[in-house]
Amino acid sequence: MNTGDFLRLIAGGILALVSSYIGFMVKNGYKENTKLMKDLVFFCDEFKRELSYQKTSVIDFCNKFKKDKKSKICDLLEDFVSQLESAGQFSKDIDKWNLAHLKIQEKQEILTFFNGLGKTPTNEQISFVEKSGALFKEMQKQGEENEKKKGNMFFKLFVLLGVAIMVIVG
């Protein structure tokens, strides 16, 4: 085996690794989507419970909820609370959210949810949070299906593409 063959083999291996990594990242995007929806469902359940019993303000509950947690929903809540405290209202440009794995419609639903928090009397707020939780639950189920079907499919496709590239180059 001469040096040129060896370099082609290494280049093919690197391209196969890059292709597999891209497949992994696509699969991970589906997983992140599902996790965010699951966190939103949990947030809605907890917020509804808190509204029913404690009647805590939105800002206090959000601060309590995100305490000692690290996730995308905590980042969203941090942004939400800081805007409420500084400007008195939540206004966010969908394109500036660091949620690249979500569709525009999903981002719009989350934005509508945050825009509606704390703006109505308690009974109406509980109903709003229940409806939003049900919507996020459906989005979570769809995300789980996409993660299983599309995520695995893209991962396998990119791994096979990487192997094909390695065979062609090598």
Foldseek 3Di string as FASTA:
>chain_A
DDPQVVVLLVVLLVLLVVLLVVLLVLLVLLVLQLVVLVVLLVLLVVVLVCLVPPVDAPLVSLVVVLPPDDHLVNVVSVLLNVCCVPVVADDDDLVPRPSVSDDPVVSVLVVVLSRPPRPDPSVVNSVSSVVSSVVSVVSSVVSVVCSVPVSVVSSVVSSVVSVVSSVVSD
